[in-house]
Each structure stands twice: as structure tokens, then as C-alpha cells.
Amino acid sequence: MARRHGLVIGKFLPPHAGHHELVDFALGQCERVTVLVLGASSERIPLALRRDWMRARHPGARVVAGWDELPVDFDDPLVHDAHIELMQRLLNEPVDAVFTGEAYGDLLAERWGVEHVLHPRGGVISGTAVRADPAAFWDALTPGVRAYLCRRVVITGAESTGTTTLAAAPTRRLGTVWVPEVGRVVSAARGLPYVWRDVDFEVIARRQQLDEDRAARVAGPVLVCDTDALATCVWQERYMGRSTSAVERIAGARSYALSVLTSDDIQFVQDGLRDGEHLRGWMTQRFRDRLREPWIEVRGSVDERVDQVLERLARMFSRT
């Protein structure tokens, strides 16, 4: 006989295949299932985001999120009772079974006075392990979680400094995809000369980030981006004499694992869309002034530049 109301509790920091297997099992055993997502202010992944990930993956369950700043001490009955009281307030209705993948569920069910259904997860996976090395568990994550955890690398620079070539070149070695430059697509569609407006740069910056976020859902652990909204600010300075607060806000809301500046040490090539050879030096210096750490400037041939990027990424990721 199916249980009436089952409960799955966790931090889901982040949610992974083991969590989803447990919720799916509970859904098959109960008339209704509530997933209780607990979080603390010290945790890096926002609680609301974890709640939304669980809701998207388990539309048949009721997903409730709440803050639990209480200490963790399974040996202290008073602390444990405080956790139970907090969870009961969040649930606001009784349950008759708690589903867990670990033995601690026995104590939880006993103190709550309900049945404990133990469903050990297959394989060795935990939120701690995923946070330490997301790439090792990439296949165990949903697209939304992958998009959040993937390390984003942006390639940026002045006209004809090899940004697009460099963005595309390392993707095969990294096992990922790259995001093309929106501004170039817009320029090609409109043709030159074109009288730019401030709203054009705001639209380009937003579209660039939307394309990036879509690509992050299907990318590997590293996503390579050909330019970003900060570059849009520099281009707006070039054409309009200054950047606007709207475009600056868009740029300020996004950060990257690494920004790569392509130096202007290669020959300028006119492709019909470029008009700023005389401004390459100024733009390159402007990027140096504005780029936020961590960033590097690469020089030399395409192969040399790719090696410089991969070497820096290897050093960065070996420390995480």
C-alpha cells in the first residue's frame, strides 16, 4: 500500500543524480512527496536557486525551501529537536515517511515518530565531492546545475586581434563549446557605415549574456566566450564617447573564471566589417585598464596563444 505523504530532506548543494534518484524512488512509493531544501546564509549556492532546480527536475513533488542556521549535532537531543521543530514549521503538515540515503535517517524518523525508508544511492557522489570537482560528476548534473557550475572563460580584445580564432581553437581540447560574438553578427546584418545608438549596445550586451547562458546548459565543465558585456562597454566608449550606466550594470552583473586579452601584436586584416585599425592600440590599452582579475594577455601565434590559455587554466583548476 502506498504511503500517504513522504518527505525527502537535504541541502542539495548542489542537487545531483543521487538526490534525484531518491526523490524519484519516494514518488513511486507515496501518494504525495515533499522535498525540503534547507540552506544556511554561509553557503555559496543560493537557496532559491537550489529550490528552483529541484522544482524543475521533480514537477510531481512539492518543493519547499527554508533557512536552517542551527548547528549540526546528531548527539544532542535538544539541537535535534530544534531541527525537527524548524522543519515542521516549514512543512506545515504531517508526513508518515522520511526517505534518506543514509543511516542518519533512523534517528530523524525515530524522533519524528514516522517511518524511515532507506534507499542508498548508487556510486560515490555527494554535494561536497561535486563542489570540489564538478567535471568529475558532470554527467550526474542537470543542465541548470551545469550552467551554474561551469567555468566561463571570456576571450576579448580590439578589432583583428584574433579573439574569434582563439575562442574557437581550444574548444576541442577542452571538450566544450564556444559562444560567438553577438556584436559582429549585428554589424554584419546592418552593414557599415552604421550610426550606432546607446540602445544598440544595451541590446547586444543582453543578447551576449543570454547566448552565453544557453550555451552553458550544453557545455562541458569549461565554456569559452568570444567577448562579453564588458567588451560592449569598451565598444560603446569607442563609438559613443562613453559607456552608459545601463550597459555598465549588465557587465557588472557577470564574472568569469578567467578573462583573456588578445594582444595587438599581429597584423591587422580588413574583412569588410572593420574600421578601427588606427584605434587598436587605444582599445587594447582600454581593455588592460578595465579587465577584472583574474586575467591574462596572450601574444604570438594562435597555437602559442592557445597554449598560454590552457596552461593558465590548468594552474587555476589545479588549485580548486
C-alpha atoms as a PDB file:
ATOM      1  CA  MET A   1       0.000   0.000   0.000  1.00  0.00           C
ATOM      2  CA  ALA A   2       1.359   3.401  -0.955  1.00  0.00           C
ATOM      3  CA  ARG A   3       2.395   5.712   1.832  1.00  0.00           C
ATOM      4  CA  ARG A   4       0.355   8.896   2.026  1.00  0.00           C
ATOM      5  CA  HIS A   5       2.991  11.594   2.374  1.00  0.00           C
ATOM      6  CA  GLY A   6       6.730  11.077   2.026  1.00  0.00           C
ATOM      7  CA  LEU A   7       9.493  13.537   2.852  1.00  0.00           C
ATOM      8  CA  VAL A   8      12.961  13.971   1.344  1.00  0.00           C
ATOM      9  CA  ILE A   9      15.285  16.382   3.164  1.00  0.00           C
ATOM     10  CA  GLY A  10      18.578  17.827   2.032  1.00  0.00           C
ATOM     11  CA  LYS A  11      20.728  20.822   1.290  1.00  0.00           C
ATOM     12  CA  PHE A  12      21.035  19.824  -2.376  1.00  0.00           C
ATOM     13  CA  LEU A  13      24.274  21.757  -2.534  1.00  0.00           C
ATOM     14  CA  PRO A  14      24.077  21.196  -5.481  1.00  0.00           C
ATOM     15  CA  PRO A  15      21.445  18.606  -6.436  1.00  0.00           C
ATOM     16  CA  HIS A  16      22.895  15.606  -8.266  1.00  0.00           C
ATOM     17  CA  ALA A  17      21.842  12.224  -9.644  1.00  0.00           C
ATOM     18  CA  GLY A  18      21.859  10.610  -6.189  1.00  0.00           C
ATOM     19  CA  HIS A  19      19.366  13.163  -4.890  1.00  0.00           C
ATOM     20  CA  HIS A  20      17.143  12.781  -7.938  1.00  0.00           C
ATOM     21  CA  GLU A  21      17.169   9.001  -7.657  1.00  0.00           C
ATOM     22  CA  LEU A  22      15.982   9.250  -4.045  1.00  0.00           C
ATOM     23  CA  VAL A  23      13.168  11.677  -4.891  1.00  0.00           C
ATOM     24  CA  ASP A  24      12.062   9.545  -7.838  1.00  0.00           C
ATOM     25  CA  PHE A  25      12.022   6.481  -5.566  1.00  0.00           C
ATOM     26  CA  ALA A  26       9.915   8.324  -2.982  1.00  0.00           C
ATOM     27  CA  LEU A  27       7.480   9.469  -5.672  1.00  0.00           C
ATOM     28  CA  GLY A  28       6.992   5.848  -6.648  1.00  0.00           C
ATOM     29  CA  GLN A  29       6.247   4.859  -3.043  1.00  0.00           C
ATOM     30  CA  CYS A  30       3.947   7.667  -1.906  1.00  0.00           C
ATOM     31  CA  GLU A  31       0.742   9.406  -2.857  1.00  0.00           C
ATOM     32  CA  ARG A  32       2.491  12.721  -2.264  1.00  0.00           C
ATOM     33  CA  VAL A  33       6.104  13.754  -1.714  1.00  0.00           C
ATOM     34  CA  THR A  34       7.515  16.932  -0.223  1.00  0.00           C
ATOM     35  CA  VAL A  35      11.138  17.837  -0.850  1.00  0.00           C
ATOM     36  CA  LEU A  36      12.503  20.098   1.865  1.00  0.00           C
ATOM     37  CA  VAL A  37      15.511  22.146   0.755  1.00  0.00           C
ATOM     38  CA  LEU A  38      17.408  23.557   3.726  1.00  0.00           C
ATOM     39  CA  GLY A  39      20.049  26.256   3.470  1.00  0.00           C
ATOM     40  CA  ALA A  40      22.327  28.496   5.500  1.00  0.00           C
ATOM     41  CA  SER A  41      23.465  32.024   4.691  1.00  0.00           C
ATOM     42  CA  SER A  42      27.101  30.901   4.612  1.00  0.00           C
ATOM     43  CA  GLU A  43      26.535  28.582   1.644  1.00  0.00           C
ATOM     44  CA  ARG A  44      27.656  29.845  -1.766  1.00  0.00           C
ATOM     45  CA  ILE A  45      24.885  28.434  -3.962  1.00  0.00           C
ATOM     46  CA  PRO A  46      21.690  30.470  -3.375  1.00  0.00           C
ATOM     47  CA  LEU A  47      18.891  28.608  -1.629  1.00  0.00           C
ATOM     48  CA  ALA A  48      16.245  29.842  -4.074  1.00  0.00           C
ATOM     49  CA  LEU A  49      18.289  28.501  -6.971  1.00  0.00           C
ATOM     50  CA  ARG A  50      18.542  25.042  -5.400  1.00  0.00           C
ATOM     51  CA  ARG A  51      14.782  25.100  -4.809  1.00  0.00           C
ATOM     52  CA  ASP A  52      14.139  26.029  -8.438  1.00  0.00           C
ATOM     53  CA  TRP A  53      16.466  23.291  -9.700  1.00  0.00           C
ATOM     54  CA  MET A  54      14.565  20.691  -7.670  1.00  0.00           C
ATOM     55  CA  ARG A  55      11.198  22.007  -8.827  1.00  0.00           C
ATOM     56  CA  ALA A  56      12.275  21.835 -12.456  1.00  0.00           C
ATOM     57  CA  ARG A  57      13.568  18.266 -12.115  1.00  0.00           C
ATOM     58  CA  HIS A  58      10.663  16.971  -9.980  1.00  0.00           C
ATOM     59  CA  PRO A  59       7.431  18.699 -11.053  1.00  0.00           C
ATOM     60  CA  GLY A  60       5.413  15.954  -9.369  1.00  0.00           C
ATOM     61  CA  ALA A  61       6.754  16.804  -5.919  1.00  0.00           C
ATOM     62  CA  ARG A  62       6.064  19.718  -3.617  1.00  0.00           C
ATOM     63  CA  VAL A  63       9.361  21.539  -3.087  1.00  0.00           C
ATOM     64  CA  VAL A  64       9.711  23.792  -0.042  1.00  0.00           C
ATOM     65  CA  ALA A  65      12.818  25.785   0.878  1.00  0.00           C
ATOM     66  CA  GLY A  66      13.769  27.300   4.196  1.00  0.00           C
ATOM     67  CA  TRP A  67      16.677  28.621   6.226  1.00  0.00           C
ATOM     68  CA  ASP A  68      18.284  26.403   8.852  1.00  0.00           C
ATOM     69  CA  GLU A  69      21.074  28.212  10.680  1.00  0.00           C
ATOM     70  CA  LEU A  70      21.071  25.747  13.586  1.00  0.00           C
ATOM     71  CA  PRO A  71      24.257  23.803  14.404  1.00  0.00           C
ATOM     72  CA  VAL A  72      24.531  20.181  13.268  1.00  0.00           C
ATOM     73  CA  ASP A  73      24.924  17.830  16.246  1.00  0.00           C
ATOM     74  CA  PHE A  74      23.227  14.456  15.963  1.00  0.00           C
ATOM     75  CA  ASP A  75      24.293  13.569  19.519  1.00  0.00           C
ATOM     76  CA  ASP A  76      22.486  16.496  21.158  1.00  0.00           C
ATOM     77  CA  PRO A  77      18.741  15.784  21.547  1.00  0.00           C
ATOM     78  CA  LEU A  78      17.944  19.458  22.127  1.00  0.00           C
ATOM     79  CA  VAL A  79      19.651  20.518  18.899  1.00  0.00           C
ATOM     80  CA  HIS A  80      17.960  17.711  17.029  1.00  0.00           C
ATOM     81  CA  ASP A  81      14.565  18.696  18.445  1.00  0.00           C
ATOM     82  CA  ALA A  82      15.180  22.261  17.288  1.00  0.00           C
ATOM     83  CA  HIS A  83      15.811  20.981  13.750  1.00  0.00           C
ATOM     84  CA  ILE A  84      12.621  18.911  13.881  1.00  0.00           C
ATOM     85  CA  GLU A  85      10.597  21.914  15.053  1.00  0.00           C
ATOM     86  CA  LEU A  86      12.027  24.098  12.295  1.00  0.00           C
ATOM     87  CA  MET A  87      11.252  21.501   9.621  1.00  0.00           C
ATOM     88  CA  GLN A  88       7.722  21.033  10.926  1.00  0.00           C
ATOM     89  CA  ARG A  89       7.103  24.769  10.650  1.00  0.00           C
ATOM     90  CA  LEU A  90       8.334  24.754   7.060  1.00  0.00           C
ATOM     91  CA  LEU A  91       6.228  21.734   6.132  1.00  0.00           C
ATOM     92  CA  ASN A  92       3.092  22.909   7.930  1.00  0.00           C
ATOM     93  CA  GLU A  93       1.541  19.436   7.535  1.00  0.00           C
ATOM     94  CA  PRO A  94       2.332  15.915   8.807  1.00  0.00           C
ATOM     95  CA  VAL A  95       4.285  13.229   6.968  1.00  0.00           C
ATOM     96  CA  ASP A  96       4.306   9.498   7.598  1.00  0.00           C
ATOM     97  CA  ALA A  97       7.639   8.513   5.998  1.00  0.00           C
ATOM     98  CA  VAL A  98      11.092  10.032   5.653  1.00  0.00           C
ATOM     99  CA  PHE A  99      13.226   8.897   2.737  1.00  0.00           C
ATOM    100  CA  THR A 100      17.008   9.140   3.044  1.00  0.00           C
ATOM    101  CA  GLY A 101      20.077   7.535   1.573  1.00  0.00           C
ATOM    102  CA  GLU A 102      21.997   7.346   4.842  1.00  0.00           C
ATOM    103  CA  ALA A 103      21.696   5.848   8.315  1.00  0.00           C
ATOM    104  CA  TYR A 104      21.092   9.216   9.997  1.00  0.00           C
ATOM    105  CA  GLY A 105      17.500   8.854   8.816  1.00  0.00           C
ATOM    106  CA  ASP A 106      16.867   6.289  11.571  1.00  0.00           C
ATOM    107  CA  LEU A 107      17.377   8.911  14.267  1.00  0.00           C
ATOM    108  CA  LEU A 108      15.409  11.513  12.351  1.00  0.00           C
ATOM    109  CA  ALA A 109      12.440   9.193  11.831  1.00  0.00           C
ATOM    110  CA  GLU A 110      12.525   7.984  15.436  1.00  0.00           C
ATOM    111  CA  ARG A 111      12.452  11.483  16.897  1.00  0.00           C
ATOM    112  CA  TRP A 112       9.744  12.489  14.418  1.00  0.00           C
ATOM    113  CA  GLY A 113       7.706   9.380  15.064  1.00  0.00           C
ATOM    114  CA  VAL A 114       7.469   8.325  11.411  1.00  0.00           C
ATOM    115  CA  GLU A 115       8.783   5.514   9.207  1.00  0.00           C
ATOM    116  CA  HIS A 116      12.295   5.695   7.793  1.00  0.00           C
ATOM    117  CA  VAL A 117      12.722   4.350   4.267  1.00  0.00           C
ATOM    118  CA  LEU A 118      16.407   3.859   3.491  1.00  0.00           C
ATOM    119  CA  HIS A 119      17.335   3.986  -0.176  1.00  0.00           C
ATOM    120  CA  PRO A 120      21.134   4.038  -0.513  1.00  0.00           C
ATOM    121  CA  ARG A 121      22.319   5.922  -3.565  1.00  0.00           C
ATOM    122  CA  GLY A 122      24.388   4.093  -6.139  1.00  0.00           C
ATOM    123  CA  GLY A 123      28.044   5.029  -6.556  1.00  0.00           C
ATOM    124  CA  VAL A 124      30.119   7.514  -4.585  1.00  0.00           C
ATOM    125  CA  ILE A 125      28.712  11.006  -5.007  1.00  0.00           C
ATOM    126  CA  SER A 126      27.986  13.862  -2.661  1.00  0.00           C
ATOM    127  CA  GLY A 127      27.428  17.577  -2.824  1.00  0.00           C
ATOM    128  CA  THR A 128      30.870  18.109  -1.288  1.00  0.00           C
ATOM    129  CA  ALA A 129      32.519  15.994  -3.992  1.00  0.00           C
ATOM    130  CA  VAL A 130      30.618  17.780  -6.755  1.00  0.00           C
ATOM    131  CA  ARG A 131      31.600  21.215  -5.449  1.00  0.00           C
ATOM    132  CA  ALA A 132      35.245  20.148  -5.212  1.00  0.00           C
ATOM    133  CA  ASP A 133      35.395  18.736  -8.752  1.00  0.00           C
ATOM    134  CA  PRO A 134      32.274  19.380 -10.861  1.00  0.00           C
ATOM    135  CA  ALA A 135      33.903  17.943 -14.001  1.00  0.00           C
ATOM    136  CA  ALA A 136      34.237  14.507 -12.395  1.00  0.00           C
ATOM    137  CA  PHE A 137      30.461  14.318 -11.906  1.00  0.00           C
ATOM    138  CA  TRP A 138      29.302  16.310 -14.944  1.00  0.00           C
ATOM    139  CA  ASP A 139      27.007  13.550 -16.235  1.00  0.00           C
ATOM    140  CA  ALA A 140      25.258  13.421 -12.842  1.00  0.00           C
ATOM    141  CA  LEU A 141      24.109  17.057 -13.033  1.00  0.00           C
ATOM    142  CA  THR A 142      21.073  18.607 -14.705  1.00  0.00           C
ATOM    143  CA  PRO A 143      21.582  21.290 -17.388  1.00  0.00           C
ATOM    144  CA  GLY A 144      20.674  24.086 -14.977  1.00  0.00           C
ATOM    145  CA  VAL A 145      23.264  22.976 -12.433  1.00  0.00           C
ATOM    146  CA  ARG A 146      25.871  22.555 -15.161  1.00  0.00           C
ATOM    147  CA  ALA A 147      25.204  26.092 -16.375  1.00  0.00           C
ATOM    148  CA  TYR A 148      25.792  27.407 -12.861  1.00  0.00           C
ATOM    149  CA  LEU A 149      28.939  25.382 -12.154  1.00  0.00           C
ATOM    150  CA  CYS A 150      30.732  25.547 -15.498  1.00  0.00           C
ATOM    151  CA  ARG A 151      33.810  27.742 -15.503  1.00  0.00           C
ATOM    152  CA  ARG A 152      33.445  30.515 -18.039  1.00  0.00           C
ATOM    153  CA  VAL A 153      36.419  31.875 -19.941  1.00  0.00           C
ATOM    154  CA  VAL A 154      35.999  35.056 -21.995  1.00  0.00           C
ATOM    155  CA  ILE A 155      38.255  35.982 -24.902  1.00  0.00           C
ATOM    156  CA  THR A 156      38.279  39.727 -25.528  1.00  0.00           C
ATOM    157  CA  GLY A 157      40.281  42.312 -27.417  1.00  0.00           C
ATOM    158  CA  ALA A 158      40.327  45.004 -30.096  1.00  0.00           C
ATOM    159  CA  GLU A 159      39.496  44.503 -33.784  1.00  0.00           C
ATOM    160  CA  SER A 160      41.572  41.969 -35.705  1.00  0.00           C
ATOM    161  CA  THR A 161      43.465  40.666 -32.684  1.00  0.00           C
ATOM    162  CA  GLY A 162      42.314  37.058 -33.090  1.00  0.00           C
ATOM    163  CA  THR A 163      39.563  36.838 -30.476  1.00  0.00           C
ATOM    164  CA  THR A 164      37.235  34.655 -32.559  1.00  0.00           C
ATOM    165  CA  THR A 165      40.033  32.375 -33.719  1.00  0.00           C
ATOM    166  CA  LEU A 166      41.243  31.937 -30.153  1.00  0.00           C
ATOM    167  CA  ALA A 167      37.734  31.345 -28.800  1.00  0.00           C
ATOM    168  CA  ALA A 168      37.107  28.528 -31.270  1.00  0.00           C
ATOM    169  CA  ALA A 169      40.553  26.937 -31.158  1.00  0.00           C
ATOM    170  CA  PRO A 170      40.709  25.341 -27.661  1.00  0.00           C
ATOM    171  CA  THR A 171      37.151  24.021 -27.513  1.00  0.00           C
ATOM    172  CA  ARG A 172      38.007  20.581 -28.898  1.00  0.00           C
ATOM    173  CA  ARG A 173      40.851  20.138 -26.427  1.00  0.00           C
ATOM    174  CA  LEU A 174      38.581  21.305 -23.596  1.00  0.00           C
ATOM    175  CA  GLY A 175      35.626  19.161 -24.731  1.00  0.00           C
ATOM    176  CA  THR A 176      33.239  22.105 -24.776  1.00  0.00           C
ATOM    177  CA  VAL A 177      31.538  24.699 -26.984  1.00  0.00           C
ATOM    178  CA  TRP A 178      32.132  28.389 -27.584  1.00  0.00           C
ATOM    179  CA  VAL A 179      29.808  31.395 -27.762  1.00  0.00           C
ATOM    180  CA  PRO A 180      30.137  33.645 -30.857  1.00  0.00           C
ATOM    181  CA  GLU A 181      30.228  37.436 -30.642  1.00  0.00           C
ATOM    182  CA  VAL A 182      26.758  38.975 -30.942  1.00  0.00           C
ATOM    183  CA  GLY A 183      28.067  42.424 -31.887  1.00  0.00           C
ATOM    184  CA  ARG A 184      29.729  41.058 -35.005  1.00  0.00           C
ATOM    185  CA  VAL A 185      26.506  39.345 -36.093  1.00  0.00           C
ATOM    186  CA  VAL A 186      24.624  42.618 -35.619  1.00  0.00           C
ATOM    187  CA  SER A 187      27.267  44.573 -37.551  1.00  0.00           C
ATOM    188  CA  ALA A 188      27.170  42.090 -40.426  1.00  0.00           C
ATOM    189  CA  ALA A 189      23.367  42.304 -40.594  1.00  0.00           C
ATOM    190  CA  ARG A 190      23.309  46.115 -40.607  1.00  0.00           C
ATOM    191  CA  GLY A 191      26.413  46.781 -42.622  1.00  0.00           C
ATOM    192  CA  LEU A 192      28.846  49.644 -42.327  1.00  0.00           C
ATOM    193  CA  PRO A 193      28.752  52.561 -42.023  1.00  0.00           C
ATOM    194  CA  TYR A 194      26.066  52.457 -39.328  1.00  0.00           C
ATOM    195  CA  VAL A 195      25.009  55.161 -36.911  1.00  0.00           C
ATOM    196  CA  TRP A 196      25.129  53.440 -33.537  1.00  0.00           C
ATOM    197  CA  ARG A 197      22.731  54.283 -30.703  1.00  0.00           C
ATOM    198  CA  ASP A 198      23.120  53.646 -26.997  1.00  0.00           C
ATOM    199  CA  VAL A 199      20.219  51.196 -27.031  1.00  0.00           C
ATOM    200  CA  ASP A 200      22.099  49.065 -29.582  1.00  0.00           C
ATOM    201  CA  PHE A 201      24.857  48.378 -27.078  1.00  0.00           C
ATOM    202  CA  GLU A 202      22.395  47.507 -24.327  1.00  0.00           C
ATOM    203  CA  VAL A 203      20.641  45.032 -26.634  1.00  0.00           C
ATOM    204  CA  ILE A 204      23.961  43.490 -27.696  1.00  0.00           C
ATOM    205  CA  ALA A 205      25.138  43.119 -24.081  1.00  0.00           C
ATOM    206  CA  ARG A 206      21.915  41.392 -23.026  1.00  0.00           C
ATOM    207  CA  ARG A 207      21.874  39.105 -26.051  1.00  0.00           C
ATOM    208  CA  GLN A 208      25.514  38.166 -25.442  1.00  0.00           C
ATOM    209  CA  GLN A 209      24.728  37.043 -21.917  1.00  0.00           C
ATOM    210  CA  LEU A 210      21.564  35.195 -22.992  1.00  0.00           C
ATOM    211  CA  ASP A 211      23.520  33.290 -25.651  1.00  0.00           C
ATOM    212  CA  GLU A 212      26.189  32.519 -23.078  1.00  0.00           C
ATOM    213  CA  ASP A 213      23.663  31.194 -20.564  1.00  0.00           C
ATOM    214  CA  ARG A 214      22.023  28.976 -23.205  1.00  0.00           C
ATOM    215  CA  ALA A 215      25.391  27.563 -24.233  1.00  0.00           C
ATOM    216  CA  ALA A 216      26.346  26.902 -20.605  1.00  0.00           C
ATOM    217  CA  ARG A 217      23.498  24.362 -20.332  1.00  0.00           C
ATOM    218  CA  VAL A 218      25.064  22.152 -23.008  1.00  0.00           C
ATOM    219  CA  ALA A 219      28.759  22.958 -22.499  1.00  0.00           C
ATOM    220  CA  GLY A 220      31.351  20.901 -20.739  1.00  0.00           C
ATOM    221  CA  PRO A 221      32.895  21.995 -17.447  1.00  0.00           C
ATOM    222  CA  VAL A 222      34.512  24.948 -19.257  1.00  0.00           C
ATOM    223  CA  LEU A 223      32.662  27.401 -21.547  1.00  0.00           C
ATOM    224  CA  VAL A 224      34.605  29.692 -23.887  1.00  0.00           C
ATOM    225  CA  CYS A 225      33.013  33.040 -24.765  1.00  0.00           C
ATOM    226  CA  ASP A 226      34.036  35.263 -27.676  1.00  0.00           C
ATOM    227  CA  THR A 227      33.644  38.645 -25.919  1.00  0.00           C
ATOM    228  CA  ASP A 228      31.344  39.748 -23.081  1.00  0.00           C
ATOM    229  CA  ALA A 229      29.314  42.734 -21.886  1.00  0.00           C
ATOM    230  CA  LEU A 230      32.421  44.472 -20.537  1.00  0.00           C
ATOM    231  CA  ALA A 231      33.776  44.489 -24.074  1.00  0.00           C
ATOM    232  CA  THR A 232      30.458  46.020 -25.164  1.00  0.00           C
ATOM    233  CA  CYS A 233      31.173  48.874 -22.741  1.00  0.00           C
ATOM    234  CA  VAL A 234      34.534  49.476 -24.428  1.00  0.00           C
ATOM    235  CA  TRP A 235      32.949  49.407 -27.884  1.00  0.00           C
ATOM    236  CA  GLN A 236      30.309  51.860 -26.679  1.00  0.00           C
ATOM    237  CA  GLU A 237      33.104  54.150 -25.465  1.00  0.00           C
ATOM    238  CA  ARG A 238      34.687  53.890 -28.885  1.00  0.00           C
ATOM    239  CA  TYR A 239      31.594  54.791 -30.889  1.00  0.00           C
ATOM    240  CA  MET A 240      29.661  56.990 -28.439  1.00  0.00           C
ATOM    241  CA  GLY A 241      32.487  58.585 -26.437  1.00  0.00           C
ATOM    242  CA  ARG A 242      31.328  56.962 -23.155  1.00  0.00           C
ATOM    243  CA  SER A 243      29.510  53.938 -21.856  1.00  0.00           C
ATOM    244  CA  THR A 244      26.080  54.211 -20.259  1.00  0.00           C
ATOM    245  CA  SER A 245      25.024  53.052 -16.796  1.00  0.00           C
ATOM    246  CA  ALA A 246      22.617  50.525 -18.350  1.00  0.00           C
ATOM    247  CA  VAL A 247      25.393  48.668 -20.199  1.00  0.00           C
ATOM    248  CA  GLU A 248      27.764  49.006 -17.234  1.00  0.00           C
ATOM    249  CA  ARG A 249      25.160  47.346 -14.965  1.00  0.00           C
ATOM    250  CA  ILE A 250      24.816  44.425 -17.350  1.00  0.00           C
ATOM    251  CA  ALA A 251      28.590  43.988 -17.441  1.00  0.00           C
ATOM    252  CA  GLY A 252      28.935  44.329 -13.681  1.00  0.00           C
ATOM    253  CA  ALA A 253      26.486  41.515 -13.022  1.00  0.00           C
ATOM    254  CA  ARG A 254      28.701  38.890 -14.677  1.00  0.00           C
ATOM    255  CA  SER A 255      32.096  37.484 -13.675  1.00  0.00           C
ATOM    256  CA  TYR A 256      34.392  34.907 -15.257  1.00  0.00           C
ATOM    257  CA  ALA A 257      36.857  32.284 -14.133  1.00  0.00           C
ATOM    258  CA  LEU A 258      39.365  33.872 -16.500  1.00  0.00           C
ATOM    259  CA  SER A 259      39.425  36.817 -18.928  1.00  0.00           C
ATOM    260  CA  VAL A 260      41.879  36.574 -21.818  1.00  0.00           C
ATOM    261  CA  LEU A 261      43.021  39.697 -23.670  1.00  0.00           C
ATOM    262  CA  THR A 262      44.330  39.143 -27.202  1.00  0.00           C
ATOM    263  CA  SER A 263      47.247  41.474 -27.788  1.00  0.00           C
ATOM    264  CA  ASP A 264      47.515  43.713 -30.859  1.00  0.00           C
ATOM    265  CA  ASP A 265      50.885  42.202 -31.834  1.00  0.00           C
ATOM    266  CA  ILE A 266      49.505  40.611 -35.020  1.00  0.00           C
ATOM    267  CA  GLN A 267      48.827  42.179 -38.415  1.00  0.00           C
ATOM    268  CA  PHE A 268      45.506  43.961 -38.950  1.00  0.00           C
ATOM    269  CA  VAL A 269      43.305  42.195 -41.526  1.00  0.00           C
ATOM    270  CA  GLN A 270      40.414  44.026 -43.191  1.00  0.00           C
ATOM    271  CA  ASP A 271      37.389  41.777 -43.662  1.00  0.00           C
ATOM    272  CA  GLY A 272      34.873  44.395 -44.790  1.00  0.00           C
ATOM    273  CA  LEU A 273      33.408  44.995 -41.330  1.00  0.00           C
ATOM    274  CA  ARG A 274      36.411  46.506 -39.570  1.00  0.00           C
ATOM    275  CA  ASP A 275      37.156  50.213 -39.473  1.00  0.00           C
ATOM    276  CA  GLY A 276      39.390  50.739 -36.483  1.00  0.00           C
ATOM    277  CA  GLU A 277      42.989  49.830 -37.258  1.00  0.00           C
ATOM    278  CA  HIS A 278      44.026  53.269 -36.008  1.00  0.00           C
ATOM    279  CA  LEU A 279      42.230  52.561 -32.695  1.00  0.00           C
ATOM    280  CA  ARG A 280      43.592  49.083 -31.979  1.00  0.00           C
ATOM    281  CA  GLY A 281      46.281  50.341 -29.629  1.00  0.00           C
ATOM    282  CA  TRP A 282      43.849  52.541 -27.711  1.00  0.00           C
ATOM    283  CA  MET A 283      41.285  49.747 -27.375  1.00  0.00           C
ATOM    284  CA  THR A 284      43.881  47.221 -26.251  1.00  0.00           C
ATOM    285  CA  GLN A 285      45.047  49.601 -23.531  1.00  0.00           C
ATOM    286  CA  ARG A 286      41.444  50.297 -22.557  1.00  0.00           C
ATOM    287  CA  PHE A 287      40.888  46.577 -22.034  1.00  0.00           C
ATOM    288  CA  ARG A 288      44.024  46.414 -19.882  1.00  0.00           C
ATOM    289  CA  ASP A 289      42.640  49.256 -17.778  1.00  0.00           C
ATOM    290  CA  ARG A 290      39.197  47.734 -17.364  1.00  0.00           C
ATOM    291  CA  LEU A 291      39.657  43.969 -17.118  1.00  0.00           C
ATOM    292  CA  ARG A 292      38.960  42.453 -13.716  1.00  0.00           C
ATOM    293  CA  GLU A 293      41.112  39.777 -12.123  1.00  0.00           C
ATOM    294  CA  PRO A 294      41.870  37.098 -12.964  1.00  0.00           C
ATOM    295  CA  TRP A 295      43.014  37.999 -16.477  1.00  0.00           C
ATOM    296  CA  ILE A 296      45.952  37.404 -18.773  1.00  0.00           C
ATOM    297  CA  GLU A 297      47.174  38.914 -22.031  1.00  0.00           C
ATOM    298  CA  VAL A 298      48.268  36.466 -24.723  1.00  0.00           C
ATOM    299  CA  ARG A 299      50.637  37.078 -27.612  1.00  0.00           C
ATOM    300  CA  GLY A 300      52.140  35.205 -30.542  1.00  0.00           C
ATOM    301  CA  SER A 301      50.636  32.678 -32.953  1.00  0.00           C
ATOM    302  CA  VAL A 302      47.266  31.011 -32.475  1.00  0.00           C
ATOM    303  CA  ASP A 303      48.914  27.831 -31.180  1.00  0.00           C
ATOM    304  CA  GLU A 304      51.071  29.824 -28.776  1.00  0.00           C
ATOM    305  CA  ARG A 305      48.033  31.716 -27.518  1.00  0.00           C
ATOM    306  CA  VAL A 306      46.008  28.518 -27.042  1.00  0.00           C
ATOM    307  CA  ASP A 307      48.882  27.005 -25.067  1.00  0.00           C
ATOM    308  CA  GLN A 308      49.046  30.118 -22.858  1.00  0.00           C
ATOM    309  CA  VAL A 309      45.308  29.882 -22.121  1.00  0.00           C
ATOM    310  CA  LEU A 310      45.348  26.142 -21.403  1.00  0.00           C
ATOM    311  CA  GLU A 311      48.427  26.467 -19.216  1.00  0.00           C
ATOM    312  CA  ARG A 312      46.788  29.185 -17.135  1.00  0.00           C
ATOM    313  CA  LEU A 313      43.535  27.194 -16.826  1.00  0.00           C
ATOM    314  CA  ALA A 314      45.451  24.101 -15.739  1.00  0.00           C
ATOM    315  CA  ARG A 315      47.177  26.080 -12.995  1.00  0.00           C
ATOM    316  CA  MET A 316      43.924  27.674 -11.852  1.00  0.00           C
ATOM    317  CA  PHE A 317      41.903  24.478 -11.749  1.00  0.00           C
ATOM    318  CA  SER A 318      44.621  22.500 -10.015  1.00  0.00           C
ATOM    319  CA  ARG A 319      44.256  24.872  -7.051  1.00  0.00           C
ATOM    320  CA  THR A 320      40.451  24.416  -6.732  1.00  0.00           C
END
